Every structure is written in structure tokens, then in C-alpha cells.
């Protein structure tokens, strides 16, 4: 890319190589879909690459994760425009394979999918990636107090959803 400052590519490539798995895992937890996760990470990294000299000086992890969340929103909006509500059944997660651990993981993912996006992002950052509230606030673009509130409300909703899912078993 011609608008990238000289020397940016090796530093950026090193960042991507060292963080790809974590970024993809984060994106999957936010999107709930492997293909959307790949698209979100690629879109986010493409945008960050052009501004890497600015991003690298700041907190690149928070910046890239915020870009992934934004890319996911863009993907969701495009799909929403293209797909009718009836077609959404094609994108439902497959039924658990029967193993207890897999069933628990599937249930957790399904319950998280029912959370508002910002709450889901905050819970993923806090409990899957073990991020502190300052980092959650940076990724979500909110204050630290709001980040704490998002996590608290998400946990309350998950408890309620979980008890409701046990009633149906």
C-alpha cells in the first residue's frame, strides 16, 4: 500500500503473527460465527494497517479489538440488508454433539448471543480474555464505570437466561 509509512509492514506483520489467534478467538466470541470472525479480523487489520504508525504508539490491542467490534457491526448491517428474516435460520449454530463439555460451551455461547452486543463484548473481554475494566472501556468506547455496569448487567441477564434454559430441559 502506497500510503503506509516506510518500515510499518514488518512491525505490523509481527503484531499480526503474534496476536492472530487471540484476535480471531475474540472475534468469534463477538460474532458467534467462524466466517464472520475471519472477516471482522481481516477488515479490522486492513483498516489498522493504513494507520499502524499511529495505532502502534497507543494501545494497539484495544484499538484493534475496537476495530473488530466495529467491523462486526458493519458485517451485521450488510447481512441485515441482504437477508430476509426467514433466511436467518440458515445461520443458526449446529446442535451440540452430545459431549457434556461441548454442550456446556454451546449453551454458554447461545446464552451470550442473546445479550446486547456491547454487553456480550464486555463479558468476552472480561472472562475469556481476562481484561481489566480499563481495557474493556477502551475497546467498547465507554468509561470504566460503564464497562463495569455492562459486565454486571450481562452477568445478571446470563443468570436469568441460564435459569430459564434449565426449566426447558
N, C-alpha and C. Protein backbone atom coordinates (compact mmCIF):
# COMPACT_ATOMS: atom_id res chain seq x y z
N UNK A 1 0.85 -1.18 0.00
CA UNK A 1 0.00 0.00 0.00
C UNK A 1 0.89 1.24 0.00
N UNK A 2 0.60 2.16 -0.85
CA UNK A 2 1.47 3.32 -1.02
C UNK A 2 1.32 4.35 0.10
N UNK A 3 0.20 4.38 0.82
CA UNK A 3 0.01 5.39 1.84
C UNK A 3 0.51 4.95 3.22
N UNK A 4 1.21 3.82 3.27
CA UNK A 4 1.75 3.32 4.53
C UNK A 4 3.16 3.86 4.71
N UNK A 5 3.47 4.41 5.89
CA UNK A 5 4.82 4.93 6.11
C UNK A 5 5.87 3.82 5.99
N UNK A 6 7.07 4.16 5.54
CA UNK A 6 8.13 3.15 5.41
C UNK A 6 8.43 2.50 6.76
N UNK A 7 8.70 1.20 6.74
CA UNK A 7 9.03 0.48 7.97
C UNK A 7 7.84 -0.03 8.73
N UNK A 8 6.63 0.26 8.29
CA UNK A 8 5.44 -0.16 9.01
C UNK A 8 5.17 -1.65 8.82
N UNK A 9 5.38 -2.15 7.64
CA UNK A 9 4.99 -3.52 7.32
C UNK A 9 5.62 -4.56 8.25
N UNK A 10 6.92 -4.55 8.53
CA UNK A 10 7.48 -5.59 9.41
C UNK A 10 6.90 -5.55 10.83
N UNK A 11 6.74 -4.35 11.36
CA UNK A 11 6.18 -4.22 12.71
C UNK A 11 4.74 -4.71 12.75
N UNK A 12 3.99 -4.35 11.74
CA UNK A 12 2.60 -4.78 11.65
C UNK A 12 2.52 -6.30 11.48
N UNK A 13 3.35 -6.84 10.61
CA UNK A 13 3.37 -8.29 10.38
C UNK A 13 3.71 -9.04 11.67
N UNK A 14 4.63 -8.51 12.44
CA UNK A 14 4.99 -9.14 13.72
C UNK A 14 3.82 -9.10 14.69
N UNK A 15 3.12 -7.97 14.73
CA UNK A 15 1.95 -7.87 15.61
C UNK A 15 0.88 -8.89 15.21
N UNK A 16 0.58 -8.96 13.92
CA UNK A 16 -0.45 -9.89 13.44
C UNK A 16 -0.05 -11.32 13.73
N UNK A 17 1.21 -11.68 13.44
CA UNK A 17 1.67 -13.05 13.68
C UNK A 17 1.57 -13.43 15.15
N UNK A 18 1.89 -12.50 16.02
CA UNK A 18 1.86 -12.79 17.46
C UNK A 18 0.47 -12.76 18.08
N UNK A 19 -0.49 -12.12 17.41
CA UNK A 19 -1.80 -11.93 18.02
C UNK A 19 -2.96 -12.50 17.23
N UNK A 20 -2.71 -13.12 16.08
CA UNK A 20 -3.79 -13.59 15.22
C UNK A 20 -4.75 -14.51 15.95
N UNK A 21 -4.23 -15.51 16.65
CA UNK A 21 -5.11 -16.49 17.31
C UNK A 21 -6.01 -15.81 18.34
N UNK A 22 -5.45 -14.93 19.13
CA UNK A 22 -6.24 -14.23 20.16
C UNK A 22 -7.27 -13.31 19.52
N UNK A 23 -6.88 -12.63 18.45
CA UNK A 23 -7.83 -11.74 17.78
C UNK A 23 -8.96 -12.53 17.14
N UNK A 24 -8.64 -13.66 16.53
CA UNK A 24 -9.67 -14.49 15.90
C UNK A 24 -10.60 -15.07 16.96
N UNK A 25 -10.04 -15.51 18.08
CA UNK A 25 -10.86 -16.05 19.18
C UNK A 25 -11.80 -14.97 19.71
N UNK A 26 -11.28 -13.76 19.90
CA UNK A 26 -12.11 -12.65 20.35
C UNK A 26 -13.23 -12.38 19.36
N UNK A 27 -12.88 -12.32 18.08
CA UNK A 27 -13.87 -12.03 17.04
C UNK A 27 -14.93 -13.12 16.99
N UNK A 28 -14.53 -14.37 17.16
CA UNK A 28 -15.51 -15.47 17.15
C UNK A 28 -16.49 -15.32 18.31
N UNK A 29 -15.98 -14.96 19.47
CA UNK A 29 -16.87 -14.79 20.63
C UNK A 29 -17.82 -13.62 20.43
N UNK A 30 -17.37 -12.60 19.74
CA UNK A 30 -18.23 -11.44 19.47
C UNK A 30 -19.26 -11.77 18.39
N UNK A 31 -18.82 -12.47 17.33
CA UNK A 31 -19.72 -12.73 16.20
C UNK A 31 -20.51 -14.01 16.34
N UNK A 32 -19.93 -15.03 16.97
CA UNK A 32 -20.60 -16.32 17.08
C UNK A 32 -20.54 -17.13 15.80
N UNK A 33 -19.68 -16.73 14.86
CA UNK A 33 -19.61 -17.39 13.56
C UNK A 33 -18.17 -17.34 13.07
N UNK A 34 -17.61 -18.48 12.66
CA UNK A 34 -16.21 -18.55 12.26
C UNK A 34 -15.92 -17.65 11.07
N UNK A 35 -16.76 -17.70 10.06
CA UNK A 35 -16.51 -16.91 8.85
C UNK A 35 -16.62 -15.40 9.14
N UNK A 36 -17.63 -15.02 9.91
CA UNK A 36 -17.76 -13.61 10.26
C UNK A 36 -16.57 -13.15 11.10
N UNK A 37 -16.07 -14.04 11.96
CA UNK A 37 -14.92 -13.71 12.78
C UNK A 37 -13.70 -13.43 11.90
N UNK A 38 -13.47 -14.31 10.91
CA UNK A 38 -12.34 -14.09 10.00
C UNK A 38 -12.50 -12.77 9.25
N UNK A 39 -13.71 -12.51 8.75
CA UNK A 39 -13.96 -11.27 8.02
C UNK A 39 -13.75 -10.05 8.91
N UNK A 40 -14.23 -10.13 10.15
CA UNK A 40 -14.08 -9.00 11.07
C UNK A 40 -12.61 -8.71 11.36
N UNK A 41 -11.83 -9.77 11.60
CA UNK A 41 -10.41 -9.57 11.89
C UNK A 41 -9.70 -9.00 10.67
N UNK A 42 -9.99 -9.54 9.50
CA UNK A 42 -9.34 -9.04 8.29
C UNK A 42 -9.71 -7.59 8.00
N UNK A 43 -10.98 -7.26 8.12
CA UNK A 43 -11.41 -5.88 7.89
C UNK A 43 -10.74 -4.93 8.89
N UNK A 44 -10.72 -5.35 10.16
CA UNK A 44 -10.12 -4.51 11.20
C UNK A 44 -8.63 -4.32 10.96
N UNK A 45 -7.93 -5.39 10.64
CA UNK A 45 -6.49 -5.28 10.41
C UNK A 45 -6.17 -4.46 9.16
N UNK A 46 -7.00 -4.58 8.15
CA UNK A 46 -6.79 -3.79 6.93
C UNK A 46 -6.89 -2.30 7.27
N UNK A 47 -7.87 -1.94 8.07
CA UNK A 47 -8.01 -0.54 8.47
C UNK A 47 -6.87 -0.09 9.37
N UNK A 48 -6.43 -0.97 10.27
CA UNK A 48 -5.34 -0.61 11.19
C UNK A 48 -4.01 -0.50 10.46
N UNK A 49 -3.81 -1.30 9.43
CA UNK A 49 -2.55 -1.29 8.69
C UNK A 49 -2.25 0.10 8.11
N UNK A 50 -3.26 0.73 7.59
CA UNK A 50 -3.08 2.05 6.98
C UNK A 50 -2.67 3.10 8.01
N UNK A 51 -3.03 2.86 9.27
CA UNK A 51 -2.74 3.85 10.32
C UNK A 51 -1.83 3.27 11.38
N UNK A 52 -1.06 2.23 11.05
CA UNK A 52 -0.31 1.49 12.06
C UNK A 52 0.68 2.36 12.83
N UNK A 53 1.29 3.33 12.19
CA UNK A 53 2.24 4.17 12.91
C UNK A 53 1.55 4.91 14.06
N UNK A 54 0.29 5.28 13.90
CA UNK A 54 -0.47 5.92 14.98
C UNK A 54 -0.97 4.90 15.99
N UNK A 55 -1.44 3.77 15.49
CA UNK A 55 -2.02 2.73 16.35
C UNK A 55 -0.97 2.12 17.25
N UNK A 56 0.22 1.85 16.72
CA UNK A 56 1.27 1.17 17.49
C UNK A 56 1.75 2.00 18.67
N UNK A 57 1.65 3.32 18.57
CA UNK A 57 2.09 4.19 19.65
C UNK A 57 1.11 4.14 20.82
N UNK A 58 -0.15 3.99 20.50
CA UNK A 58 -1.19 3.93 21.53
C UNK A 58 -1.28 2.51 22.08
N UNK A 59 -2.46 2.07 22.42
CA UNK A 59 -2.69 0.71 22.90
C UNK A 59 -3.19 -0.11 21.71
N UNK A 60 -2.30 -0.79 20.99
CA UNK A 60 -2.74 -1.46 19.76
C UNK A 60 -3.77 -2.56 20.01
N UNK A 61 -3.67 -3.27 21.14
CA UNK A 61 -4.64 -4.34 21.42
C UNK A 61 -6.05 -3.79 21.55
N UNK A 62 -6.21 -2.74 22.31
CA UNK A 62 -7.53 -2.14 22.49
C UNK A 62 -8.04 -1.56 21.17
N UNK A 63 -7.15 -0.91 20.43
CA UNK A 63 -7.54 -0.30 19.16
C UNK A 63 -8.01 -1.35 18.17
N UNK A 64 -7.23 -2.43 18.04
CA UNK A 64 -7.59 -3.49 17.08
C UNK A 64 -8.88 -4.18 17.51
N UNK A 65 -9.05 -4.44 18.80
CA UNK A 65 -10.28 -5.09 19.26
C UNK A 65 -11.50 -4.19 19.01
N UNK A 66 -11.33 -2.90 19.22
CA UNK A 66 -12.43 -1.97 18.92
C UNK A 66 -12.73 -1.98 17.42
N UNK A 67 -11.69 -2.07 16.61
CA UNK A 67 -11.88 -2.13 15.16
C UNK A 67 -12.60 -3.43 14.77
N UNK A 68 -12.32 -4.51 15.47
CA UNK A 68 -13.01 -5.79 15.21
C UNK A 68 -14.50 -5.65 15.53
N UNK A 69 -14.80 -5.04 16.66
CA UNK A 69 -16.21 -4.83 17.04
C UNK A 69 -16.91 -3.98 15.98
N UNK A 70 -16.25 -2.92 15.54
CA UNK A 70 -16.83 -2.05 14.51
C UNK A 70 -17.00 -2.80 13.19
N UNK A 71 -16.00 -3.59 12.82
CA UNK A 71 -16.09 -4.38 11.58
C UNK A 71 -17.25 -5.37 11.67
N UNK A 72 -17.45 -5.95 12.85
CA UNK A 72 -18.57 -6.88 13.03
C UNK A 72 -19.91 -6.16 12.86
N UNK A 73 -20.00 -4.97 13.37
CA UNK A 73 -21.24 -4.20 13.20
C UNK A 73 -21.49 -3.94 11.72
N UNK A 74 -20.43 -3.59 10.99
CA UNK A 74 -20.57 -3.35 9.55
C UNK A 74 -21.02 -4.62 8.82
N UNK A 75 -20.43 -5.75 9.17
CA UNK A 75 -20.81 -7.03 8.54
C UNK A 75 -22.26 -7.34 8.85
N UNK A 76 -22.64 -7.15 10.11
CA UNK A 76 -24.02 -7.44 10.52
C UNK A 76 -25.01 -6.55 9.75
N UNK A 77 -24.66 -5.29 9.58
CA UNK A 77 -25.55 -4.38 8.86
C UNK A 77 -25.69 -4.79 7.39
N UNK A 78 -24.57 -5.20 6.79
CA UNK A 78 -24.64 -5.65 5.39
C UNK A 78 -25.52 -6.88 5.27
N UNK A 79 -25.33 -7.85 6.17
CA UNK A 79 -26.15 -9.06 6.12
C UNK A 79 -27.62 -8.74 6.34
N UNK A 80 -27.86 -7.85 7.26
CA UNK A 80 -29.24 -7.49 7.58
C UNK A 80 -29.95 -6.92 6.36
N UNK A 81 -29.21 -6.14 5.60
CA UNK A 81 -29.81 -5.58 4.39
C UNK A 81 -30.04 -6.64 3.33
N UNK A 82 -29.15 -7.62 3.26
CA UNK A 82 -29.20 -8.61 2.19
C UNK A 82 -30.13 -9.79 2.47
N UNK A 83 -30.28 -10.14 3.74
CA UNK A 83 -31.04 -11.35 4.07
C UNK A 83 -32.42 -11.02 4.62
N UNK A 84 -33.37 -11.78 4.22
CA UNK A 84 -34.71 -11.66 4.79
C UNK A 84 -34.71 -12.37 6.14
N UNK A 85 -35.64 -12.03 6.99
CA UNK A 85 -35.72 -12.64 8.32
C UNK A 85 -35.88 -14.16 8.23
N UNK A 86 -36.61 -14.64 7.25
CA UNK A 86 -36.81 -16.08 7.10
C UNK A 86 -35.51 -16.82 6.82
N UNK A 87 -34.56 -16.18 6.17
CA UNK A 87 -33.30 -16.82 5.82
C UNK A 87 -32.35 -16.94 7.00
N UNK A 88 -32.62 -16.27 8.09
CA UNK A 88 -31.71 -16.29 9.22
C UNK A 88 -31.58 -17.69 9.84
N UNK A 89 -32.55 -18.56 9.66
CA UNK A 89 -32.47 -19.91 10.20
C UNK A 89 -31.25 -20.65 9.66
N UNK A 90 -30.79 -20.30 8.46
CA UNK A 90 -29.60 -20.96 7.89
C UNK A 90 -28.36 -20.69 8.71
N UNK A 91 -28.33 -19.61 9.47
CA UNK A 91 -27.13 -19.23 10.20
C UNK A 91 -27.15 -19.64 11.67
N UNK A 92 -28.12 -20.43 12.06
CA UNK A 92 -28.16 -20.88 13.44
C UNK A 92 -27.03 -21.86 13.71
N UNK A 93 -26.56 -21.84 14.91
CA UNK A 93 -25.48 -22.72 15.35
C UNK A 93 -25.95 -24.18 15.33
N UNK A 94 -25.09 -25.09 14.91
CA UNK A 94 -25.47 -26.50 14.92
C UNK A 94 -25.73 -27.01 16.34
N UNK A 95 -26.53 -28.04 16.44
CA UNK A 95 -26.88 -28.63 17.74
C UNK A 95 -25.63 -29.27 18.34
N UNK A 96 -25.53 -29.23 19.67
CA UNK A 96 -24.38 -29.80 20.37
C UNK A 96 -24.19 -31.26 20.00
N UNK A 97 -22.94 -31.73 20.01
CA UNK A 97 -22.63 -33.08 19.58
C UNK A 97 -22.88 -34.13 20.65
N UNK A 98 -23.25 -33.75 21.84
CA UNK A 98 -23.59 -34.72 22.88
C UNK A 98 -22.60 -34.77 24.01
N UNK A 99 -21.38 -34.36 23.80
CA UNK A 99 -20.40 -34.36 24.88
C UNK A 99 -20.77 -33.26 25.87
N UNK A 100 -20.63 -33.57 27.17
CA UNK A 100 -21.03 -32.61 28.20
C UNK A 100 -20.30 -31.27 28.08
N UNK A 101 -19.00 -31.32 27.86
CA UNK A 101 -18.24 -30.08 27.76
C UNK A 101 -18.69 -29.25 26.56
N UNK A 102 -18.90 -29.92 25.45
CA UNK A 102 -19.33 -29.21 24.24
C UNK A 102 -20.74 -28.64 24.43
N UNK A 103 -21.60 -29.42 25.08
CA UNK A 103 -22.96 -28.95 25.33
C UNK A 103 -22.95 -27.71 26.23
N UNK A 104 -22.10 -27.73 27.26
CA UNK A 104 -21.99 -26.56 28.13
C UNK A 104 -21.48 -25.35 27.38
N UNK A 105 -20.47 -25.56 26.53
CA UNK A 105 -19.92 -24.46 25.75
C UNK A 105 -20.96 -23.91 24.78
N UNK A 106 -21.69 -24.81 24.13
CA UNK A 106 -22.73 -24.36 23.20
C UNK A 106 -23.81 -23.57 23.92
N UNK A 107 -24.20 -24.05 25.10
CA UNK A 107 -25.21 -23.33 25.87
C UNK A 107 -24.71 -21.94 26.25
N UNK A 108 -23.46 -21.86 26.69
CA UNK A 108 -22.89 -20.56 27.06
C UNK A 108 -22.87 -19.61 25.87
N UNK A 109 -22.48 -20.12 24.70
CA UNK A 109 -22.44 -19.28 23.50
C UNK A 109 -23.85 -18.84 23.12
N UNK A 110 -24.81 -19.76 23.17
CA UNK A 110 -26.18 -19.40 22.81
C UNK A 110 -26.76 -18.36 23.76
N UNK A 111 -26.45 -18.51 25.04
CA UNK A 111 -26.94 -17.52 26.01
C UNK A 111 -26.27 -16.17 25.77
N UNK A 112 -24.98 -16.18 25.47
CA UNK A 112 -24.27 -14.92 25.20
C UNK A 112 -24.79 -14.25 23.94
N UNK A 113 -25.21 -15.03 22.96
CA UNK A 113 -25.74 -14.46 21.72
C UNK A 113 -27.01 -13.64 21.97
N UNK A 114 -27.70 -13.95 23.06
CA UNK A 114 -28.94 -13.24 23.36
C UNK A 114 -28.69 -11.93 24.09
N UNK A 115 -27.44 -11.67 24.47
CA UNK A 115 -27.10 -10.41 25.12
C UNK A 115 -26.97 -9.30 24.07
N UNK A 116 -27.20 -8.07 24.47
CA UNK A 116 -26.89 -6.96 23.55
C UNK A 116 -25.40 -6.99 23.22
N UNK A 117 -25.05 -6.52 22.05
CA UNK A 117 -23.67 -6.65 21.55
C UNK A 117 -22.64 -6.06 22.50
N UNK A 118 -22.90 -4.90 23.05
CA UNK A 118 -21.92 -4.26 23.91
C UNK A 118 -21.71 -5.06 25.20
N UNK A 119 -22.80 -5.62 25.76
CA UNK A 119 -22.67 -6.46 26.94
C UNK A 119 -21.90 -7.74 26.61
N UNK A 120 -22.21 -8.34 25.46
CA UNK A 120 -21.52 -9.56 25.05
C UNK A 120 -20.03 -9.29 24.89
N UNK A 121 -19.69 -8.19 24.26
CA UNK A 121 -18.29 -7.83 24.07
C UNK A 121 -17.60 -7.65 25.42
N UNK A 122 -18.25 -6.96 26.35
CA UNK A 122 -17.66 -6.72 27.67
C UNK A 122 -17.43 -8.04 28.42
N UNK A 123 -18.38 -8.96 28.35
CA UNK A 123 -18.23 -10.25 29.04
C UNK A 123 -17.11 -11.07 28.42
N UNK A 124 -17.03 -11.08 27.11
CA UNK A 124 -15.96 -11.82 26.42
C UNK A 124 -14.59 -11.26 26.82
N UNK A 125 -14.47 -9.94 26.82
CA UNK A 125 -13.20 -9.32 27.19
C UNK A 125 -12.84 -9.63 28.65
N UNK A 126 -13.83 -9.57 29.53
CA UNK A 126 -13.56 -9.75 30.96
C UNK A 126 -13.24 -11.20 31.31
N UNK A 127 -14.04 -12.14 30.83
CA UNK A 127 -13.92 -13.51 31.31
C UNK A 127 -13.21 -14.45 30.35
N UNK A 128 -13.23 -14.19 29.07
CA UNK A 128 -12.49 -15.04 28.16
C UNK A 128 -11.06 -14.54 27.98
N UNK A 129 -10.92 -13.23 27.87
CA UNK A 129 -9.59 -12.67 27.64
C UNK A 129 -8.97 -12.08 28.91
N UNK A 130 -9.67 -12.14 30.03
CA UNK A 130 -9.15 -11.70 31.33
C UNK A 130 -8.64 -10.26 31.27
N UNK A 131 -9.40 -9.39 30.65
CA UNK A 131 -9.05 -7.97 30.53
C UNK A 131 -9.58 -7.21 31.72
N UNK A 132 -8.87 -6.13 32.10
CA UNK A 132 -9.37 -5.31 33.19
C UNK A 132 -10.37 -4.30 32.64
N UNK A 133 -11.01 -3.59 33.55
CA UNK A 133 -12.10 -2.70 33.14
C UNK A 133 -11.61 -1.51 32.31
N UNK A 134 -10.37 -1.08 32.53
CA UNK A 134 -9.83 0.00 31.69
C UNK A 134 -9.73 -0.44 30.24
N UNK A 135 -9.26 -1.67 30.03
CA UNK A 135 -9.14 -2.19 28.66
C UNK A 135 -10.51 -2.40 28.03
N UNK A 136 -11.46 -2.90 28.82
CA UNK A 136 -12.82 -3.10 28.32
C UNK A 136 -13.41 -1.75 27.90
N UNK A 137 -13.19 -0.75 28.73
CA UNK A 137 -13.70 0.59 28.43
C UNK A 137 -13.09 1.12 27.13
N UNK A 138 -11.81 0.89 26.93
CA UNK A 138 -11.14 1.37 25.72
C UNK A 138 -11.69 0.67 24.47
N UNK A 139 -11.88 -0.63 24.55
CA UNK A 139 -12.38 -1.38 23.39
C UNK A 139 -13.83 -1.00 23.08
N UNK A 140 -14.64 -0.87 24.11
CA UNK A 140 -16.06 -0.58 23.92
C UNK A 140 -16.34 0.91 23.70
N UNK A 141 -15.35 1.74 23.95
CA UNK A 141 -15.54 3.18 23.75
C UNK A 141 -16.43 3.81 24.80
N UNK A 142 -16.30 3.33 26.05
CA UNK A 142 -17.12 3.84 27.16
C UNK A 142 -16.19 4.15 28.33
N UNK A 143 -16.78 4.68 29.41
CA UNK A 143 -16.00 4.93 30.62
C UNK A 143 -15.82 3.62 31.38
N UNK A 144 -14.88 3.64 32.34
CA UNK A 144 -14.64 2.45 33.15
C UNK A 144 -15.90 2.07 33.95
N UNK A 145 -16.61 3.05 34.46
CA UNK A 145 -17.83 2.77 35.22
C UNK A 145 -18.88 2.10 34.33
N UNK A 146 -18.99 2.57 33.10
CA UNK A 146 -19.93 1.96 32.17
C UNK A 146 -19.50 0.54 31.82
N UNK A 147 -18.20 0.31 31.69
CA UNK A 147 -17.69 -1.04 31.42
C UNK A 147 -18.07 -1.98 32.56
N UNK A 148 -17.91 -1.53 33.79
CA UNK A 148 -18.30 -2.35 34.95
C UNK A 148 -19.81 -2.64 34.92
N UNK A 149 -20.57 -1.62 34.60
CA UNK A 149 -22.02 -1.78 34.53
C UNK A 149 -22.42 -2.76 33.43
N UNK A 150 -21.76 -2.68 32.28
CA UNK A 150 -22.06 -3.60 31.19
C UNK A 150 -21.83 -5.05 31.62
N UNK A 151 -20.71 -5.30 32.29
CA UNK A 151 -20.40 -6.65 32.75
C UNK A 151 -21.42 -7.10 33.80
N UNK A 152 -21.74 -6.22 34.73
CA UNK A 152 -22.70 -6.58 35.79
C UNK A 152 -24.07 -6.90 35.20
N UNK A 153 -24.55 -6.07 34.29
CA UNK A 153 -25.86 -6.31 33.67
C UNK A 153 -25.84 -7.58 32.81
N UNK A 154 -24.73 -7.81 32.14
CA UNK A 154 -24.61 -9.02 31.32
C UNK A 154 -24.68 -10.27 32.20
N UNK A 155 -23.98 -10.26 33.32
CA UNK A 155 -23.99 -11.42 34.21
C UNK A 155 -25.39 -11.65 34.80
N UNK A 156 -26.06 -10.57 35.14
CA UNK A 156 -27.43 -10.69 35.65
C UNK A 156 -28.33 -11.31 34.58
N UNK A 157 -28.20 -10.84 33.35
CA UNK A 157 -29.00 -11.39 32.24
C UNK A 157 -28.66 -12.84 31.98
N UNK A 158 -27.37 -13.17 32.02
CA UNK A 158 -26.97 -14.56 31.78
C UNK A 158 -27.51 -15.50 32.86
N UNK A 159 -27.49 -15.05 34.11
CA UNK A 159 -28.05 -15.88 35.18
C UNK A 159 -29.53 -16.13 34.95
N UNK A 160 -30.24 -15.09 34.57
CA UNK A 160 -31.67 -15.23 34.30
C UNK A 160 -31.91 -16.14 33.11
N UNK A 161 -31.14 -15.95 32.03
CA UNK A 161 -31.28 -16.80 30.84
C UNK A 161 -30.94 -18.25 31.14
N UNK A 162 -29.90 -18.44 31.96
CA UNK A 162 -29.48 -19.80 32.30
C UNK A 162 -30.55 -20.53 33.11
N UNK A 163 -31.12 -19.84 34.10
CA UNK A 163 -32.17 -20.49 34.90
C UNK A 163 -33.40 -20.78 34.04
N UNK A 164 -33.67 -19.91 33.07
CA UNK A 164 -34.78 -20.16 32.15
C UNK A 164 -34.49 -21.33 31.23
N UNK A 165 -33.23 -21.52 30.82
CA UNK A 165 -32.89 -22.63 29.93
C UNK A 165 -32.96 -23.95 30.68
N UNK A 166 -32.69 -23.96 31.99
CA UNK A 166 -32.79 -25.20 32.78
C UNK A 166 -34.23 -25.63 32.97
N UNK A 167 -35.15 -24.68 32.95
CA UNK A 167 -36.56 -25.02 33.09
C UNK A 167 -37.05 -25.79 31.88
N UNK A 168 -36.42 -25.56 30.73
CA UNK A 168 -36.83 -26.21 29.49
C UNK A 168 -36.19 -27.57 29.28
N UNK A 169 -35.27 -27.97 30.16
CA UNK A 169 -34.57 -29.25 29.98
C UNK A 169 -35.43 -30.40 30.43
